[in-house]
Protein backbone atom coordinates (compact mmCIF):
# COMPACT_ATOMS: atom_id res chain seq x y z
CA MET A 1 194.99 184.97 154.24
CA LYS A 2 193.56 186.84 151.24
CA LYS A 3 194.20 183.84 148.93
CA ILE A 4 191.64 181.56 150.67
CA PRO A 5 188.51 183.46 149.56
CA GLY A 6 189.75 183.50 145.96
CA LEU A 7 190.35 179.72 145.96
CA PHE A 8 186.95 179.16 147.45
CA CYS A 9 185.34 181.12 144.62
CA ILE A 10 187.15 179.09 142.01
CA ILE A 11 185.98 175.79 143.55
CA LEU A 12 182.43 177.09 143.74
CA LEU A 13 182.47 178.04 140.05
CA LEU A 14 183.76 174.57 139.07
CA LEU A 15 180.97 172.91 141.08
CA LEU A 16 178.38 175.07 139.39
CA ALA A 17 179.76 174.18 135.93
CA ALA A 18 179.74 170.43 136.71
CA THR A 19 176.14 170.61 137.94
CA ALA A 20 175.05 172.43 134.80
CA SER A 21 176.81 169.84 132.59
CA ALA A 22 175.15 166.93 134.41
CA ALA A 23 171.73 168.54 134.07
CA THR A 24 172.27 169.08 130.36
CA SER A 25 173.34 165.42 129.88
CA THR A 26 170.31 164.14 131.79
CA THR A 27 167.99 166.31 129.73
CA THR A 28 169.54 164.99 126.51
CA LEU A 29 169.12 161.34 127.61
CA ASP A 30 165.55 161.96 128.66
CA SER A 31 164.84 163.64 125.35
CA THR A 32 166.38 160.74 123.42
CA SER A 33 164.37 158.19 125.41
CA THR A 34 161.15 160.12 124.86
CA THR A 35 161.81 160.34 121.14
CA ALA A 36 162.34 156.55 120.87
CA GLN A 37 159.13 155.85 122.76
CA ASP A 38 157.18 158.21 120.56
CA ALA A 39 158.56 156.58 117.40
CA ALA A 40 157.77 153.04 118.65
CA SER A 41 154.21 154.05 119.55
CA LEU A 42 153.57 154.78 115.89
CA VAL A 43 154.36 151.17 114.86
CA TYR A 44 151.21 148.98 114.83
CA VAL A 45 149.95 145.61 113.53
CA SER A 46 148.23 146.36 110.22
CA SER A 47 147.14 142.84 109.19
CA VAL A 48 147.04 139.23 110.40
CA LYS A 49 146.52 136.18 108.18
CA ILE A 50 146.03 132.69 109.62
CA ASP A 51 146.14 129.71 107.23
CA PRO A 52 144.24 127.50 107.70
CA GLU A 53 141.60 129.62 109.35
CA VAL A 54 140.60 126.64 111.52
CA PHE A 55 143.25 124.05 112.47
CA TYR A 56 142.81 120.33 112.90
CA PRO A 57 144.56 119.03 116.05
CA TYR A 58 148.28 118.35 115.40
CA GLU A 59 148.04 120.24 112.10
CA GLN A 60 150.61 122.77 110.88
CA GLY A 61 149.82 126.20 109.49
CA THR A 62 151.18 129.70 109.06
CA ILE A 63 150.49 132.93 110.95
CA THR A 64 151.54 135.99 108.96
CA ILE A 65 151.69 139.34 110.80
CA THR A 66 152.42 142.67 109.12
CA LEU A 67 153.50 145.80 111.06
CA MET A 68 153.25 149.38 109.73
CA ASN A 69 155.40 152.39 110.75
CA SER A 70 153.25 155.51 110.47
CA GLY A 71 155.91 157.74 112.09
CA THR A 72 158.77 159.77 110.66
CA SER A 73 161.66 157.85 112.24
CA SER A 74 163.02 154.34 111.77
CA VAL A 75 162.32 151.87 114.57
CA GLY A 76 164.42 148.83 115.44
CA LEU A 77 162.49 145.56 116.02
CA SER A 78 163.79 142.29 117.45
CA ASN A 79 162.76 138.89 118.84
CA PRO A 80 159.27 138.51 117.37
CA ASP A 81 157.37 135.69 119.10
CA ILE A 82 153.93 134.10 119.63
CA LEU A 83 153.25 133.33 123.26
CA SER A 84 151.00 130.28 123.67
CA ASP A 85 151.06 126.83 125.25
CA LYS A 86 148.85 125.39 122.42
CA PHE A 87 150.68 126.69 119.34
CA HIS A 88 154.36 125.94 118.89
CA ILE A 89 156.57 127.95 116.52
CA MET A 90 158.56 125.68 114.19
CA ASN A 91 160.82 128.41 112.67
CA LYS A 92 161.96 130.59 115.59
CA ASP A 93 165.54 130.83 114.31
CA ASN A 94 164.43 132.92 111.33
CA TRP A 95 164.16 136.12 113.43
CA ASN A 96 167.33 136.31 115.55
CA THR A 97 168.62 139.66 114.26
CA MET A 98 167.49 143.26 114.73
CA SER A 99 165.33 144.56 111.87
CA PHE A 100 164.58 148.22 111.19
CA ILE A 101 161.28 149.45 109.85
CA GLY A 102 161.52 152.82 108.11
CA SER A 103 159.07 155.66 108.05
CA GLY A 104 155.92 154.71 106.08
CA SER A 105 157.21 151.15 105.57
CA THR A 106 155.98 147.70 106.61
CA ILE A 107 157.62 144.54 107.89
CA THR A 108 156.09 141.06 107.77
CA TYR A 109 156.75 138.07 110.05
CA SER A 110 155.61 134.58 109.00
CA PHE A 111 155.48 131.89 111.68
CA LEU A 112 155.13 128.18 110.97
CA VAL A 113 153.10 126.81 113.89
CA LYS A 114 151.67 123.49 115.02
CA ALA A 115 148.36 123.22 116.89
CA ASP A 116 147.84 120.99 119.92
CA PRO A 117 144.51 119.45 120.95
CA PRO A 118 141.89 119.71 122.34
CA ASP A 119 139.28 121.53 120.23
CA GLY A 120 138.57 125.10 121.22
CA THR A 121 139.22 128.78 120.65
CA TYR A 122 142.60 130.09 121.81
CA PHE A 123 144.14 133.55 122.19
CA PRO A 124 147.93 133.54 121.61
CA LEU A 125 149.84 136.81 122.08
CA PHE A 126 152.13 138.21 119.38
CA THR A 127 155.01 140.24 120.79
CA VAL A 128 158.06 142.01 119.30
CA GLY A 129 160.75 144.07 121.06
CA THR A 130 161.72 147.61 120.01
CA LEU A 131 165.05 149.41 120.36
CA ASN A 132 165.09 151.56 123.55
CA SER A 133 161.31 151.41 123.93
CA GLY A 134 159.93 148.15 125.35
CA SER A 135 157.75 145.76 123.30
CA ILE A 136 154.71 145.79 121.01
CA HIS A 137 151.92 143.26 121.83
CA TYR A 138 148.94 142.07 119.76
CA PRO A 139 146.37 139.36 120.75
CA LEU A 140 145.40 136.67 118.18
CA THR A 141 142.33 134.41 117.94
CA ILE A 142 142.84 130.87 116.59
CA LYS A 143 140.39 127.93 116.47
CA VAL A 144 141.13 124.21 116.66
CA ASP A 145 138.38 121.83 115.42
CA SER A 146 138.60 118.08 114.77
CA ALA A 147 135.22 117.89 112.93
CA ASP A 148 135.70 116.24 109.53
CA ILE A 149 133.72 116.76 106.33
CA GLN A 150 130.67 114.54 105.79
CA ALA A 151 130.32 112.70 102.47
CA SER A 152 127.43 110.49 101.40
CA ILE A 153 125.42 109.19 98.43
CA SER A 154 122.46 111.58 98.29
CA GLN A 155 120.80 110.17 95.15
CA LYS A 156 120.79 106.73 93.52
CA PRO A 157 118.27 104.47 91.78
CA ASP A 158 116.24 102.02 93.84
CA THR A 159 117.75 99.23 91.76
CA PHE A 160 120.68 99.18 89.35
CA ALA A 161 119.98 97.39 86.05
CA LEU A 162 122.54 95.57 83.93
CA SER A 163 124.31 97.84 81.41
CA THR A 164 121.87 100.66 82.24
CA LYS A 165 123.11 104.18 82.92
CA ASP A 166 121.83 105.80 86.12
CA THR A 167 122.68 108.98 88.01
CA VAL A 168 124.45 108.84 91.38
CA ASN A 169 124.90 112.07 93.37
CA VAL A 170 127.72 112.48 95.89
CA SER A 171 126.98 115.00 98.65
CA ILE A 172 129.84 116.75 100.50
CA ILE A 173 129.06 118.78 103.63
CA ASN A 174 131.64 121.03 105.30
CA PRO A 175 130.53 121.53 108.95
CA ARG A 176 133.72 123.38 109.87
CA GLY A 177 134.02 127.10 110.54
CA ALA A 178 136.23 127.77 107.51
CA ALA A 179 136.63 126.75 103.88
CA ILE A 180 138.42 123.68 102.53
CA LYS A 181 140.01 123.69 99.09
CA ASN A 182 141.25 121.57 96.16
CA ILE A 183 138.53 118.94 96.52
CA ILE A 184 138.93 115.99 94.11
CA ILE A 185 136.17 113.37 93.83
CA THR A 186 137.14 110.08 92.13
CA PRO A 187 134.62 107.18 91.84
CA THR A 188 135.95 103.72 90.91
CA GLY A 189 134.65 100.16 90.82
CA GLN A 190 135.37 96.88 89.03
CA GLY A 191 133.02 96.32 86.12
CA ILE A 192 131.51 99.81 86.47
CA ASP A 193 131.65 102.59 83.88
CA VAL A 194 131.57 106.04 85.50
CA SER A 195 131.34 109.40 83.73
CA PRO A 196 133.10 111.71 84.34
CA SER A 197 135.94 109.76 85.88
CA GLN A 198 136.84 112.62 88.23
CA LYS A 199 135.49 115.99 89.34
CA TYR A 200 137.19 119.01 90.97
CA VAL A 201 135.78 121.61 93.36
CA SER A 202 138.15 124.51 94.07
CA THR A 203 136.62 125.71 97.36
CA LEU A 204 133.82 124.67 99.72
CA ASN A 205 133.02 127.29 102.33
CA GLY A 206 132.36 126.43 105.94
CA GLN A 207 128.78 125.50 106.90
CA SER A 208 127.94 124.69 103.26
CA SER A 209 127.53 121.68 100.96
CA VAL A 210 127.81 120.65 97.31
CA GLU A 211 126.18 117.94 95.15
CA ILE A 212 128.33 116.16 92.56
CA PRO A 213 126.47 114.02 89.94
CA PHE A 214 128.01 111.01 88.18
CA SER A 215 126.62 108.70 85.49
CA VAL A 216 127.10 105.07 86.57
CA THR A 217 126.67 102.06 84.26
CA PRO A 218 127.23 98.70 86.03
CA ASN A 219 128.11 95.58 84.04
CA GLN A 220 128.16 93.25 87.08
CA ASP A 221 127.51 93.18 90.81
CA SER A 222 130.27 95.30 92.32
CA THR A 223 131.15 98.06 94.78
CA LEU A 224 131.48 101.73 93.88
CA THR A 225 134.14 103.50 95.96
CA VAL A 226 134.10 107.31 95.92
CA HIS A 227 137.46 108.71 97.06
CA ILE A 228 137.39 112.35 98.22
CA SER A 229 140.64 114.23 98.85
CA TYR A 230 140.94 117.86 99.94
CA GLN A 231 143.21 120.38 101.68
CA ASN A 232 142.87 122.41 104.87
CA GLY A 233 145.50 125.06 104.36
CA ASP A 234 148.42 123.08 102.92
CA ASN A 235 147.47 119.91 104.83
CA ASP A 236 146.10 116.92 102.90
CA HIS A 237 143.00 115.02 104.06
CA ALA A 238 140.86 112.26 102.51
CA THR A 239 137.73 110.20 103.07
CA ASP A 240 135.85 107.45 101.17
CA VAL A 241 132.19 106.65 100.49
CA ILE A 242 131.19 103.06 99.66
CA LEU A 243 128.12 102.19 97.54
CA PRO A 244 127.28 98.49 96.92
CA ILE A 245 126.03 97.85 93.36
CA VAL A 246 123.52 94.95 93.25
CA LEU A 247 121.86 94.36 89.89
CA GLY A 248 118.09 93.92 89.66
CA ASP A 249 115.05 94.92 87.63
CA ASN A 250 114.52 98.57 86.85
CA LYS A 251 111.25 99.41 88.63
CA LYS A 252 110.68 102.51 86.52
CA ALA A 253 111.46 100.98 83.12
CA ALA A 254 109.03 101.03 80.20
CA ILE A 255 106.98 97.78 79.92
CA PRO A 256 105.48 97.08 76.47
CA VAL A 257 102.25 95.03 76.46
CA VAL A 258 100.83 93.69 73.17
CA ASN A 259 97.06 93.52 72.64
CA ASN A 260 94.48 93.11 69.86
CA VAL A 261 96.73 90.98 67.69
CA ALA A 262 95.32 89.94 64.31
CA LEU A 263 96.81 87.86 61.47
CA VAL A 264 95.94 88.11 57.76
CA SER A 265 97.21 85.65 55.18
CA SER A 266 98.03 87.12 51.82
CA GLY A 267 99.49 84.11 50.05
CA ALA A 268 103.19 84.94 49.83
CA TYR A 269 103.35 86.44 53.31
CA TYR A 270 101.37 87.20 56.44
CA THR A 271 100.38 90.54 57.88
CA LEU A 272 100.43 90.79 61.69
CA SER A 273 98.84 93.83 63.35
CA GLY A 274 98.06 94.88 66.90
CA ASP A 275 98.56 97.45 69.64
CA VAL A 276 101.55 98.09 71.93
CA ASN A 277 100.80 99.70 75.31
CA ASN A 278 103.52 101.16 77.57
CA ALA A 279 102.57 99.91 81.06
CA GLY A 280 105.78 101.21 82.66
CA LEU A 281 106.60 104.45 84.47
CA THR A 282 108.98 106.02 81.93
CA ASP A 283 108.71 106.85 78.24
CA ALA A 284 110.05 104.49 75.58
CA LYS A 285 112.08 106.21 72.86
CA SER A 286 112.81 105.02 69.29
CA MET A 287 110.49 102.01 69.61
CA VAL A 288 110.58 99.55 66.69
CA VAL A 289 108.46 96.39 66.21
CA THR A 290 109.48 93.43 64.00
CA VAL A 291 109.58 89.62 64.04
CA GLY A 292 112.45 87.30 64.89
CA ALA A 293 113.64 83.88 63.68
CA PRO A 294 112.33 81.45 62.54
CA ALA A 295 109.92 84.00 61.04
CA GLN A 296 111.38 86.21 58.33
CA ALA A 297 110.34 89.88 58.14
CA VAL A 298 109.58 90.96 54.56
CA GLU A 299 108.54 94.18 52.87
CA PRO A 300 106.44 96.27 52.73
CA TYR A 301 106.41 96.36 56.56
CA ALA A 302 109.47 94.40 57.67
CA GLN A 303 109.85 96.82 60.60
CA TYR A 304 107.32 99.20 62.10
CA ALA A 305 108.74 102.34 63.74
CA ILE A 306 106.47 103.59 66.52
CA GLY A 307 108.93 106.22 67.75
CA SER A 308 108.32 107.67 71.20
CA LEU A 309 105.71 105.92 73.35
CA ALA A 310 104.82 107.71 76.56
CA ALA A 311 103.96 105.91 79.79
CA ASP A 312 100.30 104.75 79.83
CA ASP A 313 100.02 105.41 76.08
CA PHE A 314 99.62 102.95 73.19
CA SER A 315 100.27 102.73 69.46
CA SER A 316 99.27 100.38 66.65
CA PHE A 317 101.68 98.42 64.47
CA GLU A 318 101.64 96.33 61.30
CA ILE A 319 104.31 93.77 60.34
CA THR A 320 104.62 91.62 57.18
CA PHE A 321 106.54 88.35 57.41
CA SER A 322 106.91 84.88 55.97
CA SER A 323 107.09 81.67 57.99
CA ASN A 324 106.54 77.94 57.53
CA ASP A 325 105.59 77.48 61.17
CA LEU A 326 102.97 79.68 62.81
CA SER A 327 103.18 77.84 66.11
CA SER A 328 105.98 80.12 67.32
CA VAL A 329 106.38 83.59 65.82
CA PRO A 330 108.61 85.87 67.97
CA LEU A 331 107.38 89.47 68.03
CA VAL A 332 110.43 91.62 68.90
CA ILE A 333 109.99 95.12 70.38
CA SER A 334 113.09 97.28 70.90
CA TRP A 335 113.36 100.78 72.41
CA LYS A 336 115.64 103.17 74.35
CA ASP A 337 115.25 105.19 77.53
CA ASN A 338 116.02 108.89 78.06
CA ASP A 339 119.72 108.10 78.64
CA GLY A 340 120.08 106.11 75.42
CA ASN A 341 120.14 102.67 77.09
CA SER A 342 118.79 99.97 74.76
CA PHE A 343 116.07 97.48 75.73
CA SER A 344 114.14 94.72 73.97
CA SER A 345 111.11 92.57 74.61
CA THR A 346 110.20 89.34 72.80
CA LYS A 347 106.67 87.88 72.69
CA ASN A 348 106.39 84.40 71.23
CA LEU A 349 103.01 84.20 69.50
CA ASN A 350 101.31 80.88 68.78
CA LEU A 351 99.21 81.78 65.76
CA ARG A 352 97.56 78.32 65.42
CA THR A 353 95.87 77.93 68.80
CA ASN A 354 94.25 80.13 71.45
CA ALA A 355 96.21 80.71 74.68
CA GLY A 356 96.97 83.45 77.25
CA SER A 357 99.18 86.35 76.35
CA GLY A 358 101.72 88.57 78.10
CA THR A 359 105.03 90.29 77.56
CA THR A 360 108.17 91.14 79.53
CA GLY A 361 110.94 93.66 78.81
CA THR A 362 114.67 93.13 79.25
CA ALA A 363 117.83 95.12 78.74
CA SER A 364 119.57 94.87 75.39
CA GLY A 365 121.90 91.91 75.30
CA SER A 366 119.54 89.65 77.22
CA SER A 367 116.26 88.16 76.10
CA GLY A 368 112.90 88.35 77.78
CA SER A 369 110.05 86.43 76.24
CA SER A 370 106.53 85.27 76.83
CA THR A 371 104.13 83.10 74.90
CA GLY A 372 100.73 83.99 73.54
CA SER A 373 98.42 83.21 70.67
CA VAL A 374 96.10 84.78 68.18
CA THR A 375 93.44 83.38 65.91
CA PRO A 376 94.50 83.62 62.23
CA VAL A 377 92.17 85.43 59.84
CA THR A 378 92.47 84.59 56.12
CA THR A 379 90.98 87.03 53.64
CA GLY A 380 91.24 86.71 49.86
CA SER A 381 94.31 87.18 47.70
CA THR A 382 96.92 89.87 47.50
CA ALA A 383 95.12 91.54 44.61
CA ALA A 384 91.84 91.59 46.52
CA ARG A 385 93.55 93.15 49.57
CA THR A 386 95.15 95.78 47.39
CA SER A 387 91.87 96.87 45.88
CA SER A 388 89.89 96.90 49.11
CA GLY A 389 92.58 98.12 51.54
CA PHE A 390 93.94 96.40 54.66
CA SER A 391 91.25 96.17 57.34
CA GLY A 392 89.85 99.46 56.07
CA SER A 393 92.54 101.41 57.94
CA PRO A 394 95.69 103.40 57.16
CA GLN A 395 99.16 102.30 58.18
CA GLY A 396 99.52 102.15 61.94
CA GLY A 397 96.15 100.50 62.67
CA GLY A 398 92.74 101.82 63.64
CA SER A 399 89.64 102.39 61.49
CA ILE A 400 89.16 104.96 58.80
CA PHE A 401 86.78 106.96 60.99
CA GLY A 402 88.71 106.49 64.23
CA PHE A 403 86.13 104.07 65.72
CA GLY A 404 84.69 100.63 65.05
CA GLY A 405 86.07 98.28 62.49
CA SER A 406 88.24 95.21 62.80
CA ARG A 407 91.81 94.56 61.74
CA GLY A 408 91.79 92.16 58.81
CA GLY A 409 87.99 92.33 58.20
CA GLY A 410 88.14 94.48 55.04
CA ILE A 411 85.57 97.16 54.15
CA SER A 412 82.75 94.79 55.06
CA SER A 413 83.53 95.36 58.73
CA PHE A 414 82.27 98.96 58.28
CA TYR A 415 78.90 98.03 56.74
CA PRO A 416 76.98 98.57 60.01
CA VAL A 417 78.51 102.01 60.39
CA ILE A 418 77.79 102.95 56.77
CA ALA A 419 74.21 101.71 57.04
CA ALA A 420 73.63 103.69 60.21
CA GLY A 421 74.98 106.80 58.52
CA ILE A 422 72.64 106.36 55.55
CA ILE A 423 69.65 105.91 57.85
CA ILE A 424 70.51 109.05 59.82
CA ILE A 425 70.91 111.12 56.64
CA ALA A 426 67.60 109.81 55.24
CA GLY A 427 65.86 110.69 58.51
CA ILE A 428 67.20 114.24 58.38
CA VAL A 429 66.04 114.70 54.76
CA LEU A 430 62.56 113.38 55.58
CA TRP A 431 62.30 115.71 58.58
CA ILE A 432 63.25 118.73 56.53
CA LYS A 433 60.84 117.79 53.66
CA ARG A 434 58.02 116.64 55.94
CA LYS A 435 55.63 119.50 54.99
CA TRP A 436 56.25 119.04 51.28
CA ILE A 437 55.68 115.26 51.54
CA ALA A 438 52.51 115.81 53.58
CA ALA A 439 51.16 118.23 50.94
CA LYS A 440 51.84 115.69 48.17
CA LEU A 441 50.03 112.96 50.08
CA LYS A 442 46.95 115.24 50.60
CA LYS A 443 46.73 116.01 46.88
CA ARG A 444 46.55 112.32 46.18
């Protein structure tokens, strides 16, 4: 009977030991679980990069997410994913294994995704599981926009002229919410010279534009096609701009008009003088005046270089030539514009009869002509002209005093001016000496 209480005590001690062991085990598990949760809570998304920043519908891109472990313990990560019904991951199999991120370290996940229409702003959810501590979640913001770039010809001449260089500007507008890159602009056209042949723009930010100038020289009626290629992320896109090239007259070109033409015969050759007026809207550069066949330009003034002739300005010229037929003497005027394009104008003068006059200008390589006439003036011999001067004026036309006078009239054309000057001087002398003259007359 005394053995029963002893056995009961032994059983009670065993039960107490088992209870203590179970409590210790539970405390250890709880402590381990708490430690894992604390470590996982110190892992966070440190950066997100989306390329392209704005997707086209059905376009592929990459979403790169970097996580940082700011704790002191390693954390196991698994099954990273992007939860969305508009963006589909194309490389899910790349992240099937558990990855550990150490203390103070980072881990980066790159997802290749494809965007579905329609346009809009979407909010996919990035998620990644942790070992013994649930999952980490991070919301993303991604835009889908089908708006394309806008390209146009923003500047061109009113009319293209044959073999004449003009400037054509290509305007590119990016209405999207993010930049596009690697823009290549290539203009082409049959019978058209374009400089430069291609231009490159590295980046065009969203909601911005750029102007690209090209020099275009057409040699025939044609079509200029401007091909524009660019990238959104790593996706290629392209668009074209079409510009019809129809040749016509340049409305702003210089227009030389010849006036006040005079002819002087000097025996062996003739001297032709006059004025050239620029009736156009642009300056004429490197202007030269001479005569064409059948007339033969001879020295001393086979060619007369006027140089630059501004719009609405004029300059005189003097040409010496020989010819057996004065019924048709071509006066040839050549010049260049600011871009170096060459032009010429031919005026066929009938130096035997009186008729109307006019002149037209044409691009180099073609011929524009008009007919006109002038009354010949014959004055003395070569020796006489040498001693008295040509029309009383220096080379380039005009009178000695800058007014009056006539081309080809010699010094006699200035007699009225000289006489008037003498009379004025005599009047001044008499006025000054009037008292002295009056005194002399009284003495008499």
